[in-house]
């Protein structure tokens, strides 16, 4: 069974990828572009409060790391503290999906 992906913000994802040796190349609008020598991908990370699971999994795959490794990297902590009430709504939404066996 695949590792459960811990949701995080765009800023937290950038911090985690930087700790995995990715470099911030530029920022265009609300997207931060990261590059790494020897990789053909440029990671484009939107600066949303919470990144979607599919997008985050795609970025992790393109970065050449596993979900377990990504979850183990400490970011800047904003992924867990997503503006109080919004985080509670997000958490409850996924709890409901899990109970209905959608996740």
C-alpha atoms as a PDB file:
ATOM      1  CA  UNK A   1       0.000   0.000   0.000  1.00  0.00           C
ATOM      2  CA  UNK A   2       1.427   3.421  -0.911  1.00  0.00           C
ATOM      3  CA  UNK A   3       2.590   5.745   1.831  1.00  0.00           C
ATOM      4  CA  UNK A   4      -0.019   8.279   2.939  1.00  0.00           C
ATOM      5  CA  UNK A   5       0.859  11.709   1.595  1.00  0.00           C
ATOM      6  CA  UNK A   6       0.828  14.468   4.199  1.00  0.00           C
ATOM      7  CA  UNK A   7      -0.765  17.615   2.697  1.00  0.00           C
ATOM      8  CA  UNK A   8       1.288  20.792   2.699  1.00  0.00           C
ATOM      9  CA  UNK A   9       1.290  24.329   1.384  1.00  0.00           C
ATOM     10  CA  UNK A  10       3.222  25.520  -1.650  1.00  0.00           C
ATOM     11  CA  UNK A  11       5.728  27.327   0.566  1.00  0.00           C
ATOM     12  CA  UNK A  12       6.242  24.180   2.648  1.00  0.00           C
ATOM     13  CA  UNK A  13       6.748  22.086  -0.512  1.00  0.00           C
ATOM     14  CA  UNK A  14       9.373  24.554  -1.796  1.00  0.00           C
ATOM     15  CA  UNK A  15      11.198  24.376   1.559  1.00  0.00           C
ATOM     16  CA  UNK A  16      11.146  20.557   1.474  1.00  0.00           C
ATOM     17  CA  UNK A  17      12.401  20.353  -2.123  1.00  0.00           C
ATOM     18  CA  UNK A  18      15.167  22.852  -1.312  1.00  0.00           C
ATOM     19  CA  UNK A  19      16.302  20.523   1.474  1.00  0.00           C
ATOM     20  CA  UNK A  20      16.350  17.735  -1.146  1.00  0.00           C
ATOM     21  CA  UNK A  21      18.951  19.770  -3.123  1.00  0.00           C
ATOM     22  CA  UNK A  22      16.569  21.531  -5.544  1.00  0.00           C
ATOM     23  CA  UNK A  23      17.344  25.189  -6.263  1.00  0.00           C
ATOM     24  CA  UNK A  24      14.891  28.042  -6.724  1.00  0.00           C
ATOM     25  CA  UNK A  25      15.515  29.237 -10.278  1.00  0.00           C
ATOM     26  CA  UNK A  26      12.820  31.897 -10.543  1.00  0.00           C
ATOM     27  CA  UNK A  27       9.297  32.866  -9.611  1.00  0.00           C
ATOM     28  CA  UNK A  28       6.664  33.811 -12.155  1.00  0.00           C
ATOM     29  CA  UNK A  29       3.416  35.021 -10.640  1.00  0.00           C
ATOM     30  CA  UNK A  30       2.348  32.589  -7.944  1.00  0.00           C
ATOM     31  CA  UNK A  31       4.576  29.726  -9.175  1.00  0.00           C
ATOM     32  CA  UNK A  32       8.083  29.014  -7.914  1.00  0.00           C
ATOM     33  CA  UNK A  33      10.323  27.143 -10.380  1.00  0.00           C
ATOM     34  CA  UNK A  34      12.942  24.781  -8.987  1.00  0.00           C
ATOM     35  CA  UNK A  35      15.743  23.040 -10.874  1.00  0.00           C
ATOM     36  CA  UNK A  36      18.355  20.433 -10.049  1.00  0.00           C
ATOM     37  CA  UNK A  37      21.510  19.645 -11.950  1.00  0.00           C
ATOM     38  CA  UNK A  38      21.184  16.398 -13.858  1.00  0.00           C
ATOM     39  CA  UNK A  39      17.379  16.360 -13.932  1.00  0.00           C
ATOM     40  CA  UNK A  40      15.282  17.070 -16.994  1.00  0.00           C
ATOM     41  CA  UNK A  41      12.367  18.386 -14.940  1.00  0.00           C
ATOM     42  CA  UNK A  42      11.726  21.887 -13.711  1.00  0.00           C
ATOM     43  CA  UNK A  43       9.375  21.732 -10.756  1.00  0.00           C
ATOM     44  CA  UNK A  44       6.687  24.415 -10.918  1.00  0.00           C
ATOM     45  CA  UNK A  45       5.116  24.790  -7.484  1.00  0.00           C
ATOM     46  CA  UNK A  46       2.065  27.032  -7.036  1.00  0.00           C
ATOM     47  CA  UNK A  47       2.028  29.006  -3.806  1.00  0.00           C
ATOM     48  CA  UNK A  48      -1.373  27.751  -2.652  1.00  0.00           C
ATOM     49  CA  UNK A  49      -2.340  27.267   0.968  1.00  0.00           C
ATOM     50  CA  UNK A  50      -2.794  23.536   0.324  1.00  0.00           C
ATOM     51  CA  UNK A  51      -1.489  21.660  -2.716  1.00  0.00           C
ATOM     52  CA  UNK A  52      -3.699  18.989  -4.259  1.00  0.00           C
ATOM     53  CA  UNK A  53      -2.693  15.374  -3.676  1.00  0.00           C
ATOM     54  CA  UNK A  54      -2.296  14.606  -7.379  1.00  0.00           C
ATOM     55  CA  UNK A  55      -0.112  17.639  -8.033  1.00  0.00           C
ATOM     56  CA  UNK A  56       2.038  16.940  -4.979  1.00  0.00           C
ATOM     57  CA  UNK A  57       2.508  13.269  -5.964  1.00  0.00           C
ATOM     58  CA  UNK A  58       3.479  14.337  -9.499  1.00  0.00           C
ATOM     59  CA  UNK A  59       6.053  16.819  -8.163  1.00  0.00           C
ATOM     60  CA  UNK A  60       7.489  14.194  -5.809  1.00  0.00           C
ATOM     61  CA  UNK A  61       7.743  11.684  -8.673  1.00  0.00           C
ATOM     62  CA  UNK A  62       9.413  14.254 -10.946  1.00  0.00           C
ATOM     63  CA  UNK A  63      11.874  15.110  -8.170  1.00  0.00           C
ATOM     64  CA  UNK A  64      12.960  11.479  -8.051  1.00  0.00           C
ATOM     65  CA  UNK A  65      12.111  10.956  -4.377  1.00  0.00           C
ATOM     66  CA  UNK A  66       9.523   8.796  -2.648  1.00  0.00           C
ATOM     67  CA  UNK A  67       6.500   9.940  -0.672  1.00  0.00           C
ATOM     68  CA  UNK A  68       8.159   8.511   2.450  1.00  0.00           C
ATOM     69  CA  UNK A  69      11.260  10.633   1.842  1.00  0.00           C
ATOM     70  CA  UNK A  70       9.155  13.741   1.141  1.00  0.00           C
ATOM     71  CA  UNK A  71       7.086  13.231   4.302  1.00  0.00           C
ATOM     72  CA  UNK A  72      10.309  12.804   6.304  1.00  0.00           C
ATOM     73  CA  UNK A  73      11.758  16.149   5.228  1.00  0.00           C
ATOM     74  CA  UNK A  74      10.891  18.952   7.626  1.00  0.00           C
ATOM     75  CA  UNK A  75       9.587  21.972   5.759  1.00  0.00           C
ATOM     76  CA  UNK A  76       8.809  25.378   7.174  1.00  0.00           C
ATOM     77  CA  UNK A  77       5.763  24.095   9.052  1.00  0.00           C
ATOM     78  CA  UNK A  78       3.049  25.972   7.188  1.00  0.00           C
ATOM     79  CA  UNK A  79       1.474  22.800   5.826  1.00  0.00           C
ATOM     80  CA  UNK A  80       0.038  21.841   9.195  1.00  0.00           C
ATOM     81  CA  UNK A  81      -1.148  25.317  10.195  1.00  0.00           C
ATOM     82  CA  UNK A  82      -3.302  26.329   7.277  1.00  0.00           C
ATOM     83  CA  UNK A  83      -5.186  29.312   8.607  1.00  0.00           C
ATOM     84  CA  UNK A  84      -7.105  27.706  11.493  1.00  0.00           C
ATOM     85  CA  UNK A  85     -10.635  27.047  10.277  1.00  0.00           C
ATOM     86  CA  UNK A  86      -9.548  26.274   6.703  1.00  0.00           C
ATOM     87  CA  UNK A  87      -7.276  23.500   7.987  1.00  0.00           C
ATOM     88  CA  UNK A  88     -10.125  22.008  10.032  1.00  0.00           C
ATOM     89  CA  UNK A  89     -12.383  22.013   6.977  1.00  0.00           C
ATOM     90  CA  UNK A  90      -9.639  20.398   4.887  1.00  0.00           C
ATOM     91  CA  UNK A  91      -8.945  17.756   7.549  1.00  0.00           C
ATOM     92  CA  UNK A  92     -12.627  16.915   7.956  1.00  0.00           C
ATOM     93  CA  UNK A  93     -13.082  16.689   4.188  1.00  0.00           C
ATOM     94  CA  UNK A  94     -10.375  14.036   3.886  1.00  0.00           C
ATOM     95  CA  UNK A  95     -11.636  12.232   6.977  1.00  0.00           C
ATOM     96  CA  UNK A  96     -15.057  11.992   5.321  1.00  0.00           C
ATOM     97  CA  UNK A  97     -13.527  10.705   2.070  1.00  0.00           C
ATOM     98  CA  UNK A  98     -11.546   8.096   3.982  1.00  0.00           C
ATOM     99  CA  UNK A  99     -14.643   6.926   5.845  1.00  0.00           C
ATOM    100  CA  UNK A 100     -16.440   6.522   2.520  1.00  0.00           C
ATOM    101  CA  UNK A 101     -13.419   4.530   1.191  1.00  0.00           C
ATOM    102  CA  UNK A 102     -12.732   7.040  -1.567  1.00  0.00           C
ATOM    103  CA  UNK A 103      -9.123   7.587  -0.483  1.00  0.00           C
END
